[in-house]
Amino acid sequence: MNKKFSSEIFEIIQELLNILESDLNRQETEITREQFLAIRLMESMNERNKTIFLLDELGNLDGILPLQRTFFELYIALMTYASADDKASYCKCYYAKVEWRQADLLISKKRFDQSEDCEDDFRLLITELNKEKGTSYTSFEEWKKASQDEICNSNPKLKKFDLSWYEISSGRKIKELSEELGMEDAHWLYYKEASEWIHTNRLLQVSNTQQSEIIKITNIGFLNRAICEVLSSFFNILPIPQCEFSEKSKDDLMTLYKIGKLSEKLGHIGNDLKKQLDEHSLQIRG
């Protein structure tokens, strides 16, 4: 395996995302919360994949499966979010769920530390929170309740609150969402089986190099599809052949050119990996 792949893939994806943000700055267009969340999800996928590649290069296969589970869930979350008609509702649910978790954490922390210094710190946090959000909360419990109400507003039929933000917004669990994306097998392997191992129900792990190679090739495909979805759904950038070049400025064309070349390079890396895996399989059979 070529050890430069991990950093090369990471840099390609990061450069693509940097181009998107710098292009908005060039046009003096403020990035929306919906676009910001999409970029952060894509960055998180990229970070997880980089770590998977690094673990494989170090021969530490034991840590790959839990990372692959989070990578797969990020992919399902991003693709579900990107295909939603009301992206603003999904985005609100995400940030409300983050705030709900933060409030819950602070409530737990306060329960375990009831010193006078801690009380002063909490009062200061509430004051700063109200100043930032323009609210008038008197406790973290109020903040948590307000966040919970906002989450419930995104899905009035919500019955279980301990779901992920994209499951709440879509009204479907990750298994159903995976099936809709035609990824039943990937869900079984990278989420369900990985979960069994993480929760000690099965002592399964990535045990050989060929398994890790398949995961890496799969992930490059996921990254390719995800970045294309982000480009089209959040930035209205279509694949190069579908663009009306006559309507594009010189700067826009340069942006499209850079994105196209980077996407092409990502595809070549995936093909090189697949070729190496095929050669490896032949050696094993021989």
C-alpha atoms as a PDB file:
ATOM      1  CA  MET A   1       0.000   0.000   0.000  1.00  0.00           C
ATOM      2  CA  ASN A   2       1.286   3.465  -0.926  1.00  0.00           C
ATOM      3  CA  LYS A   3       1.701   5.314   2.382  1.00  0.00           C
ATOM      4  CA  LYS A   4       1.181   8.734   0.830  1.00  0.00           C
ATOM      5  CA  PHE A   5      -2.480   7.924   0.062  1.00  0.00           C
ATOM      6  CA  SER A   6      -3.791   8.872   3.523  1.00  0.00           C
ATOM      7  CA  SER A   7      -2.344  12.398   3.521  1.00  0.00           C
ATOM      8  CA  GLU A   8      -3.038  12.863  -0.206  1.00  0.00           C
ATOM      9  CA  ILE A   9      -6.747  12.013   0.105  1.00  0.00           C
ATOM     10  CA  PHE A  10      -7.086  14.169   3.220  1.00  0.00           C
ATOM     11  CA  GLU A  11      -5.452  17.144   1.505  1.00  0.00           C
ATOM     12  CA  ILE A  12      -7.585  16.772  -1.648  1.00  0.00           C
ATOM     13  CA  ILE A  13     -10.848  16.823   0.330  1.00  0.00           C
ATOM     14  CA  GLN A  14      -9.658  19.657   2.566  1.00  0.00           C
ATOM     15  CA  GLU A  15      -8.593  21.708  -0.451  1.00  0.00           C
ATOM     16  CA  LEU A  16     -12.002  21.154  -2.057  1.00  0.00           C
ATOM     17  CA  LEU A  17     -13.717  22.466   1.086  1.00  0.00           C
ATOM     18  CA  ASN A  18     -11.312  25.406   1.329  1.00  0.00           C
ATOM     19  CA  ILE A  19     -12.100  26.296  -2.301  1.00  0.00           C
ATOM     20  CA  LEU A  20     -15.808  26.373  -1.488  1.00  0.00           C
ATOM     21  CA  GLU A  21     -15.351  28.688   1.485  1.00  0.00           C
ATOM     22  CA  SER A  22     -12.837  30.957  -0.260  1.00  0.00           C
ATOM     23  CA  ASP A  23     -15.120  31.150  -3.310  1.00  0.00           C
ATOM     24  CA  LEU A  24     -17.939  32.430  -1.091  1.00  0.00           C
ATOM     25  CA  ASN A  25     -15.581  35.015   0.402  1.00  0.00           C
ATOM     26  CA  ARG A  26     -14.551  36.090  -3.110  1.00  0.00           C
ATOM     27  CA  GLN A  27     -18.191  36.642  -3.988  1.00  0.00           C
ATOM     28  CA  GLU A  28     -18.677  38.454  -0.645  1.00  0.00           C
ATOM     29  CA  THR A  29     -21.403  35.951   0.182  1.00  0.00           C
ATOM     30  CA  GLU A  30     -21.825  34.946   3.801  1.00  0.00           C
ATOM     31  CA  ILE A  31     -21.834  31.199   4.306  1.00  0.00           C
ATOM     32  CA  THR A  32     -25.212  29.918   5.529  1.00  0.00           C
ATOM     33  CA  ARG A  33     -25.664  27.743   8.591  1.00  0.00           C
ATOM     34  CA  GLU A  34     -26.820  24.937   6.290  1.00  0.00           C
ATOM     35  CA  GLN A  35     -23.649  25.163   4.185  1.00  0.00           C
ATOM     36  CA  PHE A  36     -21.470  25.442   7.277  1.00  0.00           C
ATOM     37  CA  LEU A  37     -22.948  22.250   8.743  1.00  0.00           C
ATOM     38  CA  ALA A  38     -22.472  20.373   5.445  1.00  0.00           C
ATOM     39  CA  ILE A  39     -18.796  21.391   5.313  1.00  0.00           C
ATOM     40  CA  ARG A  40     -18.253  20.371   8.950  1.00  0.00           C
ATOM     41  CA  LEU A  41     -19.827  16.954   8.320  1.00  0.00           C
ATOM     42  CA  MET A  42     -17.602  16.493   5.275  1.00  0.00           C
ATOM     43  CA  GLU A  43     -14.536  17.546   7.283  1.00  0.00           C
ATOM     44  CA  SER A  44     -15.408  15.039  10.008  1.00  0.00           C
ATOM     45  CA  MET A  45     -15.685  12.242   7.428  1.00  0.00           C
ATOM     46  CA  ASN A  46     -12.314  13.277   6.060  1.00  0.00           C
ATOM     47  CA  GLU A  47     -10.697  13.246   9.521  1.00  0.00           C
ATOM     48  CA  ARG A  48     -12.080   9.790  10.367  1.00  0.00           C
ATOM     49  CA  ASN A  49     -10.894   8.379   7.045  1.00  0.00           C
ATOM     50  CA  LYS A  50      -7.417   9.817   7.508  1.00  0.00           C
ATOM     51  CA  THR A  51      -7.149   8.117  10.904  1.00  0.00           C
ATOM     52  CA  ILE A  52      -8.338   4.790   9.434  1.00  0.00           C
ATOM     53  CA  PHE A  53      -5.594   4.992   6.797  1.00  0.00           C
ATOM     54  CA  LEU A  54      -2.986   5.896   9.409  1.00  0.00           C
ATOM     55  CA  LEU A  55      -4.005   3.011  11.678  1.00  0.00           C
ATOM     56  CA  ASP A  56      -3.713   0.643   8.723  1.00  0.00           C
ATOM     57  CA  GLU A  57      -0.263   1.974   7.849  1.00  0.00           C
ATOM     58  CA  LEU A  58       0.813   1.369  11.465  1.00  0.00           C
ATOM     59  CA  GLY A  59      -0.600  -2.162  11.358  1.00  0.00           C
ATOM     60  CA  ASN A  60      -3.082  -1.296  14.137  1.00  0.00           C
ATOM     61  CA  LEU A  61      -6.159  -2.949  12.613  1.00  0.00           C
ATOM     62  CA  ASP A  62      -7.967  -3.236  15.947  1.00  0.00           C
ATOM     63  CA  GLY A  63      -9.020   0.433  15.983  1.00  0.00           C
ATOM     64  CA  ILE A  64     -10.388   0.562  12.432  1.00  0.00           C
ATOM     65  CA  LEU A  65     -13.868  -0.877  13.010  1.00  0.00           C
ATOM     66  CA  PRO A  66     -15.181   1.694  15.543  1.00  0.00           C
ATOM     67  CA  LEU A  67     -13.843   4.509  13.358  1.00  0.00           C
ATOM     68  CA  GLN A  68     -15.490   2.962  10.305  1.00  0.00           C
ATOM     69  CA  ARG A  69     -18.819   2.897  12.161  1.00  0.00           C
ATOM     70  CA  THR A  70     -18.631   6.636  12.863  1.00  0.00           C
ATOM     71  CA  PHE A  71     -17.464   7.304   9.289  1.00  0.00           C
ATOM     72  CA  PHE A  72     -20.446   5.376   7.878  1.00  0.00           C
ATOM     73  CA  GLU A  73     -22.906   7.176  10.148  1.00  0.00           C
ATOM     74  CA  LEU A  74     -21.481  10.548   9.106  1.00  0.00           C
ATOM     75  CA  TYR A  75     -21.977   9.529   5.478  1.00  0.00           C
ATOM     76  CA  ILE A  76     -25.630   8.520   6.034  1.00  0.00           C
ATOM     77  CA  ALA A  77     -26.264  11.718   8.022  1.00  0.00           C
ATOM     78  CA  LEU A  78     -24.747  13.929   5.310  1.00  0.00           C
ATOM     79  CA  MET A  79     -26.526  12.214   2.415  1.00  0.00           C
ATOM     80  CA  THR A  80     -29.866  12.326   4.273  1.00  0.00           C
ATOM     81  CA  TYR A  81     -29.376  15.998   5.120  1.00  0.00           C
ATOM     82  CA  ALA A  82     -28.324  16.846   1.559  1.00  0.00           C
ATOM     83  CA  SER A  83     -31.403  15.216   0.039  1.00  0.00           C
ATOM     84  CA  ALA A  84     -33.851  16.899   2.440  1.00  0.00           C
ATOM     85  CA  ASP A  85     -36.303  19.453   1.047  1.00  0.00           C
ATOM     86  CA  ASP A  86     -36.220  21.474   4.267  1.00  0.00           C
ATOM     87  CA  LYS A  87     -32.516  21.622   5.070  1.00  0.00           C
ATOM     88  CA  ALA A  88     -33.069  24.517   7.492  1.00  0.00           C
ATOM     89  CA  SER A  89     -35.200  22.273   9.716  1.00  0.00           C
ATOM     90  CA  TYR A  90     -32.477  19.601   9.797  1.00  0.00           C
ATOM     91  CA  CYS A  91     -29.887  22.247  10.592  1.00  0.00           C
ATOM     92  CA  LYS A  92     -31.976  23.668  13.462  1.00  0.00           C
ATOM     93  CA  CYS A  93     -32.441  20.176  14.862  1.00  0.00           C
ATOM     94  CA  TYR A  94     -28.686  19.532  14.756  1.00  0.00           C
ATOM     95  CA  TYR A  95     -27.794  22.713  16.662  1.00  0.00           C
ATOM     96  CA  ALA A  96     -30.672  22.211  19.130  1.00  0.00           C
ATOM     97  CA  LYS A  97     -29.445  18.664  19.827  1.00  0.00           C
ATOM     98  CA  VAL A  98     -25.911  20.001  20.400  1.00  0.00           C
ATOM     99  CA  GLU A  99     -27.252  22.581  22.865  1.00  0.00           C
ATOM    100  CA  TRP A 100     -29.399  19.958  24.592  1.00  0.00           C
ATOM    101  CA  ARG A 101     -26.303  17.789  25.113  1.00  0.00           C
ATOM    102  CA  GLN A 102     -24.278  20.750  26.394  1.00  0.00           C
ATOM    103  CA  ALA A 103     -26.999  21.711  28.864  1.00  0.00           C
ATOM    104  CA  ASP A 104     -27.354  18.098  30.031  1.00  0.00           C
ATOM    105  CA  LEU A 105     -23.593  17.851  30.569  1.00  0.00           C
ATOM    106  CA  LEU A 106     -23.515  21.051  32.626  1.00  0.00           C
ATOM    107  CA  ILE A 107     -26.483  19.893  34.725  1.00  0.00           C
ATOM    108  CA  SER A 108     -24.617  16.656  35.500  1.00  0.00           C
ATOM    109  CA  LYS A 109     -21.426  18.561  36.288  1.00  0.00           C
ATOM    110  CA  LYS A 110     -23.300  20.877  38.654  1.00  0.00           C
ATOM    111  CA  ARG A 111     -24.799  17.867  40.441  1.00  0.00           C
ATOM    112  CA  PHE A 112     -21.329  16.505  41.214  1.00  0.00           C
ATOM    113  CA  ASP A 113     -19.669  19.810  42.110  1.00  0.00           C
ATOM    114  CA  GLN A 114     -21.759  21.982  44.422  1.00  0.00           C
ATOM    115  CA  SER A 115     -18.951  24.190  45.725  1.00  0.00           C
ATOM    116  CA  GLU A 116     -19.388  27.949  45.955  1.00  0.00           C
ATOM    117  CA  ASP A 117     -16.747  28.543  43.261  1.00  0.00           C
ATOM    118  CA  CYS A 118     -18.582  26.220  40.933  1.00  0.00           C
ATOM    119  CA  GLU A 119     -21.875  28.071  41.528  1.00  0.00           C
ATOM    120  CA  ASP A 120     -20.172  31.335  40.562  1.00  0.00           C
ATOM    121  CA  ASP A 121     -18.814  29.726  37.373  1.00  0.00           C
ATOM    122  CA  PHE A 122     -22.256  28.434  36.429  1.00  0.00           C
ATOM    123  CA  ARG A 123     -23.899  31.827  37.008  1.00  0.00           C
ATOM    124  CA  LEU A 124     -21.276  33.398  34.755  1.00  0.00           C
ATOM    125  CA  LEU A 125     -21.922  30.762  32.080  1.00  0.00           C
ATOM    126  CA  ILE A 126     -25.661  31.435  32.176  1.00  0.00           C
ATOM    127  CA  THR A 127     -25.028  35.193  31.883  1.00  0.00           C
ATOM    128  CA  GLU A 128     -22.725  34.711  28.887  1.00  0.00           C
ATOM    129  CA  LEU A 129     -25.183  32.287  27.276  1.00  0.00           C
ATOM    130  CA  ASN A 130     -28.073  34.747  27.588  1.00  0.00           C
ATOM    131  CA  LYS A 131     -25.933  37.549  26.187  1.00  0.00           C
ATOM    132  CA  GLU A 132     -24.894  35.440  23.192  1.00  0.00           C
ATOM    133  CA  LYS A 133     -28.360  34.048  22.412  1.00  0.00           C
ATOM    134  CA  GLY A 134     -30.511  36.981  23.505  1.00  0.00           C
ATOM    135  CA  THR A 135     -32.329  34.773  26.011  1.00  0.00           C
ATOM    136  CA  SER A 136     -33.192  35.081  29.700  1.00  0.00           C
ATOM    137  CA  TYR A 137     -32.549  31.589  31.079  1.00  0.00           C
ATOM    138  CA  THR A 138     -32.132  31.364  34.851  1.00  0.00           C
ATOM    139  CA  SER A 139     -30.823  27.796  34.839  1.00  0.00           C
ATOM    140  CA  PHE A 140     -29.350  25.118  32.610  1.00  0.00           C
ATOM    141  CA  GLU A 141     -32.584  23.175  33.079  1.00  0.00           C
ATOM    142  CA  GLU A 142     -34.449  25.977  31.285  1.00  0.00           C
ATOM    143  CA  TRP A 143     -31.899  25.923  28.478  1.00  0.00           C
ATOM    144  CA  LYS A 144     -32.218  22.153  28.151  1.00  0.00           C
ATOM    145  CA  LYS A 145     -36.031  22.359  28.070  1.00  0.00           C
ATOM    146  CA  ALA A 146     -35.962  25.081  25.383  1.00  0.00           C
ATOM    147  CA  SER A 147     -33.551  22.998  23.266  1.00  0.00           C
ATOM    148  CA  GLN A 148     -35.736  19.928  23.691  1.00  0.00           C
ATOM    149  CA  ASP A 149     -38.827  21.863  22.582  1.00  0.00           C
ATOM    150  CA  GLU A 150     -37.000  23.019  19.446  1.00  0.00           C
ATOM    151  CA  ILE A 151     -35.936  19.439  18.657  1.00  0.00           C
ATOM    152  CA  CYS A 152     -39.512  18.199  19.071  1.00  0.00           C
ATOM    153  CA  ASN A 153     -40.746  20.968  16.753  1.00  0.00           C
ATOM    154  CA  SER A 154     -38.679  19.451  13.936  1.00  0.00           C
ATOM    155  CA  ASN A 155     -40.712  16.245  14.210  1.00  0.00           C
ATOM    156  CA  PRO A 156     -44.103  16.546  16.007  1.00  0.00           C
ATOM    157  CA  LYS A 157     -44.518  12.743  15.806  1.00  0.00           C
ATOM    158  CA  LEU A 158     -41.288  12.141  17.723  1.00  0.00           C
ATOM    159  CA  LYS A 159     -41.652   9.251  20.179  1.00  0.00           C
ATOM    160  CA  LYS A 160     -38.033   8.529  21.094  1.00  0.00           C
ATOM    161  CA  PHE A 161     -35.785  11.436  22.031  1.00  0.00           C
ATOM    162  CA  ASP A 162     -32.503   9.514  22.167  1.00  0.00           C
ATOM    163  CA  LEU A 163     -32.129   9.444  18.383  1.00  0.00           C
ATOM    164  CA  SER A 164     -29.593  11.280  16.246  1.00  0.00           C
ATOM    165  CA  TRP A 165     -30.546  14.674  14.812  1.00  0.00           C
ATOM    166  CA  TYR A 166     -30.876  13.375  11.244  1.00  0.00           C
ATOM    167  CA  GLU A 167     -33.072  10.468  12.410  1.00  0.00           C
ATOM    168  CA  ILE A 168     -35.321  12.875  14.311  1.00  0.00           C
ATOM    169  CA  SER A 169     -35.620  15.255  11.358  1.00  0.00           C
ATOM    170  CA  SER A 170     -36.244  12.527   8.780  1.00  0.00           C
ATOM    171  CA  GLY A 171     -38.500  10.447  11.018  1.00  0.00           C
ATOM    172  CA  ARG A 172     -36.516   7.318  10.094  1.00  0.00           C
ATOM    173  CA  LYS A 173     -33.764   5.338  11.776  1.00  0.00           C
ATOM    174  CA  ILE A 174     -30.341   4.826  10.260  1.00  0.00           C
ATOM    175  CA  LYS A 175     -31.241   1.319   9.033  1.00  0.00           C
ATOM    176  CA  GLU A 176     -34.194   2.659   7.012  1.00  0.00           C
ATOM    177  CA  LEU A 177     -32.138   5.566   5.695  1.00  0.00           C
ATOM    178  CA  SER A 178     -29.366   3.166   4.631  1.00  0.00           C
ATOM    179  CA  GLU A 179     -31.920   1.041   2.774  1.00  0.00           C
ATOM    180  CA  GLU A 180     -33.259   4.118   0.968  1.00  0.00           C
ATOM    181  CA  LEU A 181     -29.719   4.871  -0.183  1.00  0.00           C
ATOM    182  CA  GLY A 182     -29.305   1.275  -1.361  1.00  0.00           C
ATOM    183  CA  MET A 183     -26.749   0.544   1.343  1.00  0.00           C
ATOM    184  CA  GLU A 184     -28.297  -2.344   3.272  1.00  0.00           C
ATOM    185  CA  ASP A 185     -25.098  -4.439   3.060  1.00  0.00           C
ATOM    186  CA  ALA A 186     -22.881  -1.532   4.090  1.00  0.00           C
ATOM    187  CA  HIS A 187     -25.176  -0.838   7.070  1.00  0.00           C
ATOM    188  CA  TRP A 188     -24.966  -4.457   8.169  1.00  0.00           C
ATOM    189  CA  LEU A 189     -21.177  -4.596   7.873  1.00  0.00           C
ATOM    190  CA  TYR A 190     -20.055  -1.113   8.911  1.00  0.00           C
ATOM    191  CA  TYR A 191     -22.758  -0.200  11.430  1.00  0.00           C
ATOM    192  CA  LYS A 192     -24.617  -3.220  12.829  1.00  0.00           C
ATOM    193  CA  GLU A 193     -21.667  -5.618  13.001  1.00  0.00           C
ATOM    194  CA  ALA A 194     -19.350  -2.838  14.151  1.00  0.00           C
ATOM    195  CA  SER A 195     -21.853  -1.951  16.902  1.00  0.00           C
ATOM    196  CA  GLU A 196     -21.936  -5.580  18.054  1.00  0.00           C
ATOM    197  CA  TRP A 197     -18.152  -5.468  18.435  1.00  0.00           C
ATOM    198  CA  ILE A 198     -18.115  -2.045  20.144  1.00  0.00           C
ATOM    199  CA  HIS A 199     -20.733  -3.182  22.695  1.00  0.00           C
ATOM    200  CA  THR A 200     -18.843  -6.476  23.323  1.00  0.00           C
ATOM    201  CA  ASN A 201     -21.641  -8.641  21.911  1.00  0.00           C
ATOM    202  CA  ARG A 202     -19.241 -10.086  19.372  1.00  0.00           C
ATOM    203  CA  LEU A 203     -15.460 -10.079  19.374  1.00  0.00           C
ATOM    204  CA  LEU A 204     -15.240  -9.284  15.696  1.00  0.00           C
ATOM    205  CA  GLN A 205     -12.552  -7.013  14.323  1.00  0.00           C
ATOM    206  CA  VAL A 206     -10.669  -6.175  11.155  1.00  0.00           C
ATOM    207  CA  SER A 207      -8.214  -9.039  11.260  1.00  0.00           C
ATOM    208  CA  ASN A 208      -6.289  -8.863   8.002  1.00  0.00           C
ATOM    209  CA  THR A 209      -4.896  -6.415   5.490  1.00  0.00           C
ATOM    210  CA  GLN A 210      -7.329  -7.393   2.759  1.00  0.00           C
ATOM    211  CA  GLN A 211     -10.308  -6.385   4.939  1.00  0.00           C
ATOM    212  CA  SER A 212      -8.751  -3.004   5.654  1.00  0.00           C
ATOM    213  CA  GLU A 213      -8.005  -2.500   1.936  1.00  0.00           C
ATOM    214  CA  ILE A 214     -11.680  -3.077   1.091  1.00  0.00           C
ATOM    215  CA  ILE A 215     -12.722  -0.562   3.758  1.00  0.00           C
ATOM    216  CA  LYS A 216     -10.362   2.067   2.331  1.00  0.00           C
ATOM    217  CA  ILE A 217     -11.551   1.591  -1.248  1.00  0.00           C
ATOM    218  CA  THR A 218     -15.175   1.760  -0.051  1.00  0.00           C
ATOM    219  CA  ASN A 219     -14.453   4.961   1.867  1.00  0.00           C
ATOM    220  CA  ILE A 220     -12.979   6.718  -1.162  1.00  0.00           C
ATOM    221  CA  GLY A 221     -16.221   5.970  -3.000  1.00  0.00           C
ATOM    222  CA  PHE A 222     -18.204   7.351  -0.057  1.00  0.00           C
ATOM    223  CA  LEU A 223     -16.063  10.497   0.003  1.00  0.00           C
ATOM    224  CA  ASN A 224     -16.457  11.002  -3.752  1.00  0.00           C
ATOM    225  CA  ARG A 225     -20.257  10.699  -3.606  1.00  0.00           C
ATOM    226  CA  ALA A 226     -20.476  12.843  -0.487  1.00  0.00           C
ATOM    227  CA  ILE A 227     -18.419  15.720  -1.908  1.00  0.00           C
ATOM    228  CA  CYS A 228     -20.469  15.661  -5.133  1.00  0.00           C
ATOM    229  CA  GLU A 229     -23.656  15.838  -3.051  1.00  0.00           C
ATOM    230  CA  VAL A 230     -22.307  18.748  -1.012  1.00  0.00           C
ATOM    231  CA  LEU A 231     -21.306  20.602  -4.191  1.00  0.00           C
ATOM    232  CA  SER A 232     -24.674  20.168  -5.904  1.00  0.00           C
ATOM    233  CA  SER A 233     -27.086  20.352  -2.944  1.00  0.00           C
ATOM    234  CA  PHE A 234     -25.507  23.152  -0.899  1.00  0.00           C
ATOM    235  CA  PHE A 235     -23.486  25.197  -3.413  1.00  0.00           C
ATOM    236  CA  ASN A 236     -25.365  24.592  -6.672  1.00  0.00           C
ATOM    237  CA  ILE A 237     -22.179  23.366  -8.361  1.00  0.00           C
ATOM    238  CA  LEU A 238     -22.980  20.630 -10.854  1.00  0.00           C
ATOM    239  CA  PRO A 239     -20.498  18.184 -12.404  1.00  0.00           C
ATOM    240  CA  ILE A 240     -18.436  19.925 -15.089  1.00  0.00           C
ATOM    241  CA  PRO A 241     -20.274  18.471 -18.149  1.00  0.00           C
ATOM    242  CA  GLN A 242     -23.600  19.836 -16.850  1.00  0.00           C
ATOM    243  CA  CYS A 243     -22.382  23.396 -16.339  1.00  0.00           C
ATOM    244  CA  GLU A 244     -23.315  26.185 -18.724  1.00  0.00           C
ATOM    245  CA  PHE A 245     -19.836  27.568 -19.309  1.00  0.00           C
ATOM    246  CA  SER A 246     -21.106  30.577 -21.250  1.00  0.00           C
ATOM    247  CA  GLU A 247     -22.807  31.856 -18.103  1.00  0.00           C
ATOM    248  CA  LYS A 248     -19.736  31.513 -15.880  1.00  0.00           C
ATOM    249  CA  SER A 249     -17.197  34.219 -15.074  1.00  0.00           C
ATOM    250  CA  LYS A 250     -13.464  33.564 -15.330  1.00  0.00           C
ATOM    251  CA  ASP A 251     -13.185  33.141 -11.550  1.00  0.00           C
ATOM    252  CA  ASP A 252     -16.159  30.751 -11.476  1.00  0.00           C
ATOM    253  CA  LEU A 253     -14.608  28.671 -14.249  1.00  0.00           C
ATOM    254  CA  MET A 254     -11.317  28.499 -12.341  1.00  0.00           C
ATOM    255  CA  THR A 255     -13.176  27.306  -9.233  1.00  0.00           C
ATOM    256  CA  LEU A 256     -14.968  24.633 -11.272  1.00  0.00           C
ATOM    257  CA  TYR A 257     -11.695  23.616 -12.903  1.00  0.00           C
ATOM    258  CA  LYS A 258      -9.952  23.173  -9.548  1.00  0.00           C
ATOM    259  CA  ILE A 259     -12.870  21.191  -8.146  1.00  0.00           C
ATOM    260  CA  GLY A 260     -13.001  19.005 -11.249  1.00  0.00           C
ATOM    261  CA  LYS A 261      -9.267  18.271 -11.206  1.00  0.00           C
ATOM    262  CA  LEU A 262      -9.285  17.432  -7.511  1.00  0.00           C
ATOM    263  CA  SER A 263     -12.321  15.143  -7.892  1.00  0.00           C
ATOM    264  CA  GLU A 264     -10.612  13.426 -10.823  1.00  0.00           C
ATOM    265  CA  LYS A 265      -7.486  12.923  -8.734  1.00  0.00           C
ATOM    266  CA  LEU A 266      -9.543  11.400  -5.924  1.00  0.00           C
ATOM    267  CA  GLY A 267     -11.017   8.935  -8.425  1.00  0.00           C
ATOM    268  CA  HIS A 268      -7.551   7.963  -9.670  1.00  0.00           C
ATOM    269  CA  ILE A 269      -6.431   7.206  -6.105  1.00  0.00           C
ATOM    270  CA  GLY A 270      -9.449   4.935  -5.650  1.00  0.00           C
ATOM    271  CA  ASN A 271      -8.612   3.109  -8.889  1.00  0.00           C
ATOM    272  CA  ASP A 272      -4.980   2.685  -7.826  1.00  0.00           C
ATOM    273  CA  LEU A 273      -6.093   1.240  -4.486  1.00  0.00           C
ATOM    274  CA  LYS A 274      -8.460  -1.191  -6.204  1.00  0.00           C
ATOM    275  CA  LYS A 275      -5.687  -2.287  -8.569  1.00  0.00           C
ATOM    276  CA  GLN A 276      -3.374  -2.964  -5.632  1.00  0.00           C
ATOM    277  CA  LEU A 277      -6.105  -4.956  -3.864  1.00  0.00           C
ATOM    278  CA  ASP A 278      -6.707  -7.060  -6.995  1.00  0.00           C
ATOM    279  CA  GLU A 279      -2.970  -7.774  -7.267  1.00  0.00           C
ATOM    280  CA  HIS A 280      -2.870  -8.661  -3.568  1.00  0.00           C
ATOM    281  CA  SER A 281      -5.819 -11.073  -4.003  1.00  0.00           C
ATOM    282  CA  LEU A 282      -4.076 -12.779  -6.936  1.00  0.00           C
ATOM    283  CA  GLN A 283      -0.936 -13.260  -4.846  1.00  0.00           C
ATOM    284  CA  ILE A 284      -2.982 -14.863  -2.048  1.00  0.00           C
ATOM    285  CA  ARG A 285      -4.741 -17.226  -4.462  1.00  0.00           C
ATOM    286  CA  GLY A 286      -1.460 -18.024  -6.188  1.00  0.00           C
END
